Structures are given as structure tokens and as C-alpha cells.
Amino acid sequence: MTVSGLMHDGGAVLGVIFLAGVAALAVFVERMVSLRQARILYEDFLSGVFNILRGGRIREAMSLCEDTPGPVARLMRTAITHRADTDDTLRNALDNAGRAEVARMERRLAAISTIADATPLLGLLGTLLGLLQTLLTMRTDMPLVQTLDVTDGLSRAIVTSIAGLIVAIPAHAMYSILASRIDRIILDMGQASGDILAFMGRWDGRRKEEGDE
């Protein structure tokens, strides 16, 4: 059976399932690219920024943070911005920035989860509609029921159920992959925040402007 034949048999429900699968794949690719850019070797990055700050070159450190992608760089920029604040204020600023970064990484992740949960139900809906079509056909045409009329409804029932699972299973896998990558970045952010707070606590030039003696 051709693809066009399957789409015809599946009806509108199959079309919705197909569009949901395309949307899930698009979100997955976009998130994967974004998360790949977000994860950096934060130890090397922080070491470089710390060396720049020890030299009193605050604007250069800020520029490096702005040019570097990822949440760790934005946490470092937040710390530099709040360098003159108290330790508690700095810690709260880093916590707020961290939560904002987590929300940024999890953006549109719920869409994949929703698609993974909804497409099997859409497949079930298509199955019930197909069976209903079969029963109505049998009731209307009895006793002269044509085999083709009966198999149309059964074909819709089978096709939509299979399509729902074909979309839902990869969508669950895509969600798990993205969640795992986000968890690793969150772990990096937690370790980086600790390193940043430790450096800020012992940085002699923390409350000095660039160029101050």
C-alpha cells in the first residue's frame, strides 16, 4: 500500500498524528543544537576568566562572558555584575540566574512530552472511529455487506493505532535524551556556581572598578 493510500485510510486523525510527529522532530533538533552549544568545558572557561579578573581587566572578562555561549558564561557574567554586592546577594543572584537558565533549556520540552502522551490516544481515537465506521456500514448494508466496505473501517482502525505508536515511541526517546543532556548541564552549572562563589570570596579586586589602585 502506498503512502497516499495509508493517508487516505487513516483520515484526518492520521494527518494530525503525522503533523505532531513532524513538530516533535523539529523541536528535538532545535533543542539538541541549542544544548550542544550550551555545554562547554566550564573549568577551562572559568580559569581563563578568573585569570583576567585577577589582572583587574573587568571589561575584558565581561566581553569574554558575552561572547561565550551557554549558561555557565551567563552565570559568570551575573557574578561579575554583582561583584560589589554582599555574599548573600551574590548567591541569590546566581540562584536566580541558574533558575532562568534551566527554564531556558527546558523551553518547548513539554511539547515533546505532550506529543508522546497524546499520539497513542489519537491512535486509539482513530481506531474507535474506524470500528464505528465498520459497524455503521454493516448495520446499513445488512445482509448484503461488501467486504471492501468493511475493510475500509478496519484499515483506518489499524493504521491510526500503528501511527500513534510510531510517533509516541521516538517522542519518548527524544524527551529522555534531551532531559539527560539538560541534567548534565545543570550539574555543570552547580559545580561552576560553587567555583564562582569561592573565587569571588577571595578575589581582592572584587569591589574595585577597573583601573582603581
C-alpha atoms as a PDB file:
ATOM      1  CA  MET A   1       0.000   0.000   0.000  1.00  0.00           C
ATOM      2  CA  THR A   2       1.307   3.441  -0.917  1.00  0.00           C
ATOM      3  CA  VAL A   3       1.808   6.350   1.475  1.00  0.00           C
ATOM      4  CA  SER A   4      -1.075   8.219  -0.137  1.00  0.00           C
ATOM      5  CA  GLY A   5      -3.242   5.128   0.342  1.00  0.00           C
ATOM      6  CA  LEU A   6      -2.322   4.960   4.022  1.00  0.00           C
ATOM      7  CA  MET A   7      -3.069   8.644   4.497  1.00  0.00           C
ATOM      8  CA  HIS A   8      -6.447   8.135   2.836  1.00  0.00           C
ATOM      9  CA  ASP A   9      -7.262   5.161   5.039  1.00  0.00           C
ATOM     10  CA  GLY A  10      -6.125   6.933   8.205  1.00  0.00           C
ATOM     11  CA  GLY A  11      -8.186  10.030   7.557  1.00  0.00           C
ATOM     12  CA  ALA A  12      -7.918  13.287   9.490  1.00  0.00           C
ATOM     13  CA  VAL A  13      -6.677  11.609  12.669  1.00  0.00           C
ATOM     14  CA  LEU A  14      -3.664  10.197  10.846  1.00  0.00           C
ATOM     15  CA  GLY A  15      -2.929  13.661   9.465  1.00  0.00           C
ATOM     16  CA  VAL A  16      -2.905  15.109  12.979  1.00  0.00           C
ATOM     17  CA  ILE A  17      -0.587  12.339  14.195  1.00  0.00           C
ATOM     18  CA  PHE A  18       1.770  12.960  11.265  1.00  0.00           C
ATOM     19  CA  LEU A  19       1.907  16.708  11.967  1.00  0.00           C
ATOM     20  CA  ALA A  20       2.546  16.009  15.657  1.00  0.00           C
ATOM     21  CA  GLY A  21       5.464  13.765  14.728  1.00  0.00           C
ATOM     22  CA  VAL A  22       6.964  16.438  12.489  1.00  0.00           C
ATOM     23  CA  ALA A  23       6.586  19.031  15.272  1.00  0.00           C
ATOM     24  CA  ALA A  24       8.274  16.739  17.808  1.00  0.00           C
ATOM     25  CA  LEU A  25      11.193  16.115  15.466  1.00  0.00           C
ATOM     26  CA  ALA A  26      11.605  19.839  14.756  1.00  0.00           C
ATOM     27  CA  VAL A  27      11.636  20.689  18.471  1.00  0.00           C
ATOM     28  CA  PHE A  28      14.096  17.873  19.173  1.00  0.00           C
ATOM     29  CA  VAL A  29      16.568  19.045  16.508  1.00  0.00           C
ATOM     30  CA  GLU A  30      16.337  22.685  17.656  1.00  0.00           C
ATOM     31  CA  ARG A  31      16.846  21.750  21.317  1.00  0.00           C
ATOM     32  CA  MET A  32      19.736  19.413  20.535  1.00  0.00           C
ATOM     33  CA  VAL A  33      21.564  22.158  18.643  1.00  0.00           C
ATOM     34  CA  SER A  34      20.898  24.644  21.448  1.00  0.00           C
ATOM     35  CA  LEU A  35      22.051  22.258  24.192  1.00  0.00           C
ATOM     36  CA  ARG A  36      25.156  21.265  22.243  1.00  0.00           C
ATOM     37  CA  GLN A  37      26.147  24.935  22.120  1.00  0.00           C
ATOM     38  CA  ALA A  38      25.256  25.416  25.782  1.00  0.00           C
ATOM     39  CA  ARG A  39      27.668  22.825  27.169  1.00  0.00           C
ATOM     40  CA  ILE A  40      31.266  23.989  27.280  1.00  0.00           C
ATOM     41  CA  LEU A  41      34.396  22.955  29.155  1.00  0.00           C
ATOM     42  CA  TYR A  42      33.475  25.192  32.037  1.00  0.00           C
ATOM     43  CA  GLU A  43      36.655  24.552  34.034  1.00  0.00           C
ATOM     44  CA  ASP A  44      38.848  25.988  31.268  1.00  0.00           C
ATOM     45  CA  PHE A  45      36.454  28.873  30.710  1.00  0.00           C
ATOM     46  CA  LEU A  46      36.294  29.833  34.379  1.00  0.00           C
ATOM     47  CA  SER A  47      40.043  29.509  34.742  1.00  0.00           C
ATOM     48  CA  GLY A  48      40.528  31.975  31.902  1.00  0.00           C
ATOM     49  CA  VAL A  49      38.004  34.440  33.314  1.00  0.00           C
ATOM     50  CA  PHE A  50      39.490  34.199  36.795  1.00  0.00           C
ATOM     51  CA  ASN A  51      42.956  34.993  35.434  1.00  0.00           C
ATOM     52  CA  ILE A  52      41.586  38.020  33.594  1.00  0.00           C
ATOM     53  CA  LEU A  53      39.837  39.256  36.733  1.00  0.00           C
ATOM     54  CA  ARG A  54      42.973  38.823  38.811  1.00  0.00           C
ATOM     55  CA  GLY A  55      44.627  41.183  36.383  1.00  0.00           C
ATOM     56  CA  GLY A  56      41.902  43.743  37.032  1.00  0.00           C
ATOM     57  CA  ARG A  57      40.564  43.626  33.451  1.00  0.00           C
ATOM     58  CA  ILE A  58      36.864  43.541  34.297  1.00  0.00           C
ATOM     59  CA  ARG A  59      35.567  44.764  30.931  1.00  0.00           C
ATOM     60  CA  GLU A  60      37.601  42.106  29.130  1.00  0.00           C
ATOM     61  CA  ALA A  61      36.146  39.426  31.395  1.00  0.00           C
ATOM     62  CA  MET A  62      32.623  40.695  30.702  1.00  0.00           C
ATOM     63  CA  SER A  63      33.272  40.640  26.968  1.00  0.00           C
ATOM     64  CA  LEU A  64      34.524  37.074  27.168  1.00  0.00           C
ATOM     65  CA  CYS A  65      31.374  36.037  29.021  1.00  0.00           C
ATOM     66  CA  GLU A  66      29.164  37.745  26.454  1.00  0.00           C
ATOM     67  CA  ASP A  67      30.991  36.078  23.557  1.00  0.00           C
ATOM     68  CA  THR A  68      30.841  32.597  25.089  1.00  0.00           C
ATOM     69  CA  PRO A  69      27.589  30.646  24.676  1.00  0.00           C
ATOM     70  CA  GLY A  70      25.986  28.645  27.432  1.00  0.00           C
ATOM     71  CA  PRO A  71      24.576  29.075  30.937  1.00  0.00           C
ATOM     72  CA  VAL A  72      27.943  28.919  32.743  1.00  0.00           C
ATOM     73  CA  ALA A  73      29.128  32.011  30.873  1.00  0.00           C
ATOM     74  CA  ARG A  74      25.927  33.828  31.814  1.00  0.00           C
ATOM     75  CA  LEU A  75      26.368  32.811  35.448  1.00  0.00           C
ATOM     76  CA  MET A  76      29.892  34.224  35.390  1.00  0.00           C
ATOM     77  CA  ARG A  77      28.627  37.443  33.848  1.00  0.00           C
ATOM     78  CA  THR A  78      25.993  37.688  36.586  1.00  0.00           C
ATOM     79  CA  ALA A  79      28.676  37.244  39.234  1.00  0.00           C
ATOM     80  CA  ILE A  80      30.828  39.999  37.715  1.00  0.00           C
ATOM     81  CA  THR A  81      27.814  42.312  37.533  1.00  0.00           C
ATOM     82  CA  HIS A  82      27.080  41.719  41.235  1.00  0.00           C
ATOM     83  CA  ARG A  83      30.718  41.674  42.335  1.00  0.00           C
ATOM     84  CA  ALA A  84      30.245  44.654  44.664  1.00  0.00           C
ATOM     85  CA  ASP A  85      27.258  43.113  46.454  1.00  0.00           C
ATOM     86  CA  THR A  86      27.305  41.089  49.636  1.00  0.00           C
ATOM     87  CA  ASP A  87      27.922  37.349  49.549  1.00  0.00           C
ATOM     88  CA  ASP A  88      24.237  36.579  50.201  1.00  0.00           C
ATOM     89  CA  THR A  89      23.103  38.937  47.448  1.00  0.00           C
ATOM     90  CA  LEU A  90      25.607  37.435  45.032  1.00  0.00           C
ATOM     91  CA  ARG A  91      24.484  33.911  45.917  1.00  0.00           C
ATOM     92  CA  ASN A  92      20.819  34.855  45.393  1.00  0.00           C
ATOM     93  CA  ALA A  93      21.664  36.459  42.051  1.00  0.00           C
ATOM     94  CA  LEU A  94      23.406  33.285  40.916  1.00  0.00           C
ATOM     95  CA  ASP A  95      20.481  31.156  42.092  1.00  0.00           C
ATOM     96  CA  ASN A  96      18.000  33.317  40.173  1.00  0.00           C
ATOM     97  CA  ALA A  97      20.196  33.262  37.075  1.00  0.00           C
ATOM     98  CA  GLY A  98      20.506  29.491  37.363  1.00  0.00           C
ATOM     99  CA  ARG A  99      16.745  29.037  37.500  1.00  0.00           C
ATOM    100  CA  ALA A 100      16.348  31.267  34.470  1.00  0.00           C
ATOM    101  CA  GLU A 101      18.910  29.190  32.569  1.00  0.00           C
ATOM    102  CA  VAL A 102      17.130  25.936  33.459  1.00  0.00           C
ATOM    103  CA  ALA A 103      13.855  27.398  32.217  1.00  0.00           C
ATOM    104  CA  ARG A 104      15.600  28.482  29.023  1.00  0.00           C
ATOM    105  CA  MET A 105      16.971  24.970  28.415  1.00  0.00           C
ATOM    106  CA  GLU A 106      13.630  23.304  29.142  1.00  0.00           C
ATOM    107  CA  ARG A 107      11.767  25.580  26.757  1.00  0.00           C
ATOM    108  CA  ARG A 108       9.473  23.601  24.400  1.00  0.00           C
ATOM    109  CA  LEU A 109      10.469  20.355  26.111  1.00  0.00           C
ATOM    110  CA  ALA A 110       6.903  19.987  27.357  1.00  0.00           C
ATOM    111  CA  ALA A 111       5.720  19.949  23.736  1.00  0.00           C
ATOM    112  CA  ILE A 112       7.599  16.692  23.069  1.00  0.00           C
ATOM    113  CA  SER A 113       6.241  15.157  26.272  1.00  0.00           C
ATOM    114  CA  THR A 114       2.699  16.162  25.323  1.00  0.00           C
ATOM    115  CA  ILE A 115       3.073  14.686  21.838  1.00  0.00           C
ATOM    116  CA  ALA A 116       4.461  11.443  23.276  1.00  0.00           C
ATOM    117  CA  ASP A 117       1.459  11.166  25.605  1.00  0.00           C
ATOM    118  CA  ALA A 118      -1.208  12.353  23.150  1.00  0.00           C
ATOM    119  CA  THR A 119      -0.399  10.459  19.957  1.00  0.00           C
ATOM    120  CA  PRO A 120      -1.299   6.995  21.317  1.00  0.00           C
ATOM    121  CA  LEU A 121      -4.626   8.458  22.421  1.00  0.00           C
ATOM    122  CA  LEU A 122      -5.109   9.923  18.947  1.00  0.00           C
ATOM    123  CA  GLY A 123      -4.348   6.485  17.532  1.00  0.00           C
ATOM    124  CA  LEU A 124      -6.957   4.988  19.846  1.00  0.00           C
ATOM    125  CA  LEU A 125      -9.433   7.630  18.707  1.00  0.00           C
ATOM    126  CA  GLY A 126      -8.769   6.690  15.091  1.00  0.00           C
ATOM    127  CA  THR A 127      -9.212   3.030  15.962  1.00  0.00           C
ATOM    128  CA  LEU A 128     -12.598   3.635  17.572  1.00  0.00           C
ATOM    129  CA  LEU A 129     -13.726   5.792  14.671  1.00  0.00           C
ATOM    130  CA  GLY A 130     -12.680   3.071  12.242  1.00  0.00           C
ATOM    131  CA  LEU A 131     -14.560   0.410  14.193  1.00  0.00           C
ATOM    132  CA  LEU A 132     -17.589   2.682  14.396  1.00  0.00           C
ATOM    133  CA  GLN A 133     -17.450   3.157  10.638  1.00  0.00           C
ATOM    134  CA  THR A 134     -17.338  -0.614  10.192  1.00  0.00           C
ATOM    135  CA  LEU A 135     -20.323  -1.202  12.471  1.00  0.00           C
ATOM    136  CA  LEU A 136     -22.391   1.501  10.801  1.00  0.00           C
ATOM    137  CA  THR A 137     -21.584   0.079   7.389  1.00  0.00           C
ATOM    138  CA  MET A 138     -22.575  -3.410   8.498  1.00  0.00           C
ATOM    139  CA  ARG A 139     -25.819  -2.130  10.009  1.00  0.00           C
ATOM    140  CA  THR A 140     -26.704  -0.119   6.910  1.00  0.00           C
ATOM    141  CA  ASP A 141     -25.862  -2.731   4.283  1.00  0.00           C
ATOM    142  CA  MET A 142     -27.019  -5.864   6.078  1.00  0.00           C
ATOM    143  CA  PRO A 143     -27.428  -8.511   4.834  1.00  0.00           C
ATOM    144  CA  LEU A 144     -25.565  -7.548   1.640  1.00  0.00           C
ATOM    145  CA  VAL A 145     -22.346  -6.323   3.221  1.00  0.00           C
ATOM    146  CA  GLN A 146     -19.441  -5.773   0.826  1.00  0.00           C
ATOM    147  CA  THR A 147     -16.039  -6.879   2.041  1.00  0.00           C
ATOM    148  CA  LEU A 148     -14.437  -3.662   0.785  1.00  0.00           C
ATOM    149  CA  ASP A 149     -16.841  -1.525   2.805  1.00  0.00           C
ATOM    150  CA  VAL A 150     -15.961  -3.410   5.986  1.00  0.00           C
ATOM    151  CA  THR A 151     -12.195  -3.404   5.442  1.00  0.00           C
ATOM    152  CA  ASP A 152     -12.108   0.400   4.953  1.00  0.00           C
ATOM    153  CA  GLY A 153     -13.077   0.950   8.587  1.00  0.00           C
ATOM    154  CA  LEU A 154     -10.815  -1.803   9.859  1.00  0.00           C
ATOM    155  CA  SER A 155      -7.901  -0.394   7.869  1.00  0.00           C
ATOM    156  CA  ARG A 156      -8.408   3.022   9.458  1.00  0.00           C
ATOM    157  CA  ALA A 157      -8.508   1.416  12.898  1.00  0.00           C
ATOM    158  CA  ILE A 158      -5.229  -0.421  12.382  1.00  0.00           C
ATOM    159  CA  VAL A 159      -3.356   2.370  10.574  1.00  0.00           C
ATOM    160  CA  THR A 160      -4.094   5.067  13.160  1.00  0.00           C
ATOM    161  CA  SER A 161      -3.134   2.829  16.090  1.00  0.00           C
ATOM    162  CA  ILE A 162       0.181   1.939  14.476  1.00  0.00           C
ATOM    163  CA  ALA A 163       0.856   5.560  13.528  1.00  0.00           C
ATOM    164  CA  GLY A 164       0.201   6.739  17.079  1.00  0.00           C
ATOM    165  CA  LEU A 165       2.761   4.293  18.454  1.00  0.00           C
ATOM    166  CA  ILE A 166       5.268   5.059  15.689  1.00  0.00           C
ATOM    167  CA  VAL A 167       5.234   8.718  16.745  1.00  0.00           C
ATOM    168  CA  ALA A 168       4.927   8.206  20.505  1.00  0.00           C
ATOM    169  CA  ILE A 169       7.845   5.800  20.963  1.00  0.00           C
ATOM    170  CA  PRO A 170      10.504   8.040  19.322  1.00  0.00           C
ATOM    171  CA  ALA A 171       8.996  11.081  21.048  1.00  0.00           C
ATOM    172  CA  HIS A 172       9.522   9.435  24.441  1.00  0.00           C
ATOM    173  CA  ALA A 173      13.112   8.621  23.443  1.00  0.00           C
ATOM    174  CA  MET A 174      13.727  12.202  22.263  1.00  0.00           C
ATOM    175  CA  TYR A 175      12.378  13.588  25.531  1.00  0.00           C
ATOM    176  CA  SER A 176      14.641  11.283  27.564  1.00  0.00           C
ATOM    177  CA  ILE A 177      17.716  12.266  25.527  1.00  0.00           C
ATOM    178  CA  LEU A 178      17.039  15.970  25.976  1.00  0.00           C
ATOM    179  CA  ALA A 179      16.288  15.593  29.702  1.00  0.00           C
ATOM    180  CA  SER A 180      19.547  13.691  30.181  1.00  0.00           C
ATOM    181  CA  ARG A 181      21.562  16.402  28.429  1.00  0.00           C
ATOM    182  CA  ILE A 182      19.877  19.111  30.481  1.00  0.00           C
ATOM    183  CA  ASP A 183      20.648  17.238  33.705  1.00  0.00           C
ATOM    184  CA  ARG A 184      24.344  17.126  32.789  1.00  0.00           C
ATOM    185  CA  ILE A 185      24.389  20.856  32.068  1.00  0.00           C
ATOM    186  CA  ILE A 186      22.601  21.569  35.356  1.00  0.00           C
ATOM    187  CA  LEU A 187      25.282  19.560  37.140  1.00  0.00           C
ATOM    188  CA  ASP A 188      27.953  21.663  35.412  1.00  0.00           C
ATOM    189  CA  MET A 189      26.104  24.821  36.450  1.00  0.00           C
ATOM    190  CA  GLY A 190      26.029  23.722  40.094  1.00  0.00           C
ATOM    191  CA  GLN A 191      29.744  22.987  40.145  1.00  0.00           C
ATOM    192  CA  ALA A 192      30.508  26.214  38.286  1.00  0.00           C
ATOM    193  CA  SER A 193      28.433  28.254  40.738  1.00  0.00           C
ATOM    194  CA  GLY A 194      30.441  26.806  43.619  1.00  0.00           C
ATOM    195  CA  ASP A 195      33.717  27.683  41.888  1.00  0.00           C
ATOM    196  CA  ILE A 196      32.483  31.194  41.115  1.00  0.00           C
ATOM    197  CA  LEU A 197      31.404  31.849  44.704  1.00  0.00           C
ATOM    198  CA  ALA A 198      34.697  30.516  46.019  1.00  0.00           C
ATOM    199  CA  PHE A 199      36.684  32.773  43.694  1.00  0.00           C
ATOM    200  CA  MET A 200      34.572  35.818  44.463  1.00  0.00           C
ATOM    201  CA  GLY A 201      35.028  35.233  48.181  1.00  0.00           C
ATOM    202  CA  ARG A 202      38.807  35.522  47.918  1.00  0.00           C
ATOM    203  CA  TRP A 203      39.173  37.960  44.987  1.00  0.00           C
ATOM    204  CA  ASP A 204      40.959  41.068  46.218  1.00  0.00           C
ATOM    205  CA  GLY A 205      39.634  43.246  43.393  1.00  0.00           C
ATOM    206  CA  ARG A 206      36.003  42.247  43.811  1.00  0.00           C
ATOM    207  CA  ARG A 207      34.760  45.655  44.943  1.00  0.00           C
ATOM    208  CA  LYS A 208      37.126  47.725  42.827  1.00  0.00           C
ATOM    209  CA  GLU A 209      36.319  49.280  39.482  1.00  0.00           C
ATOM    210  CA  GLU A 210      38.668  48.644  36.606  1.00  0.00           C
ATOM    211  CA  GLY A 211      41.656  50.958  36.839  1.00  0.00           C
ATOM    212  CA  ASP A 212      41.321  51.554  40.608  1.00  0.00           C
ATOM    213  CA  GLU A 213      44.510  51.354  42.590  1.00  0.00           C
END
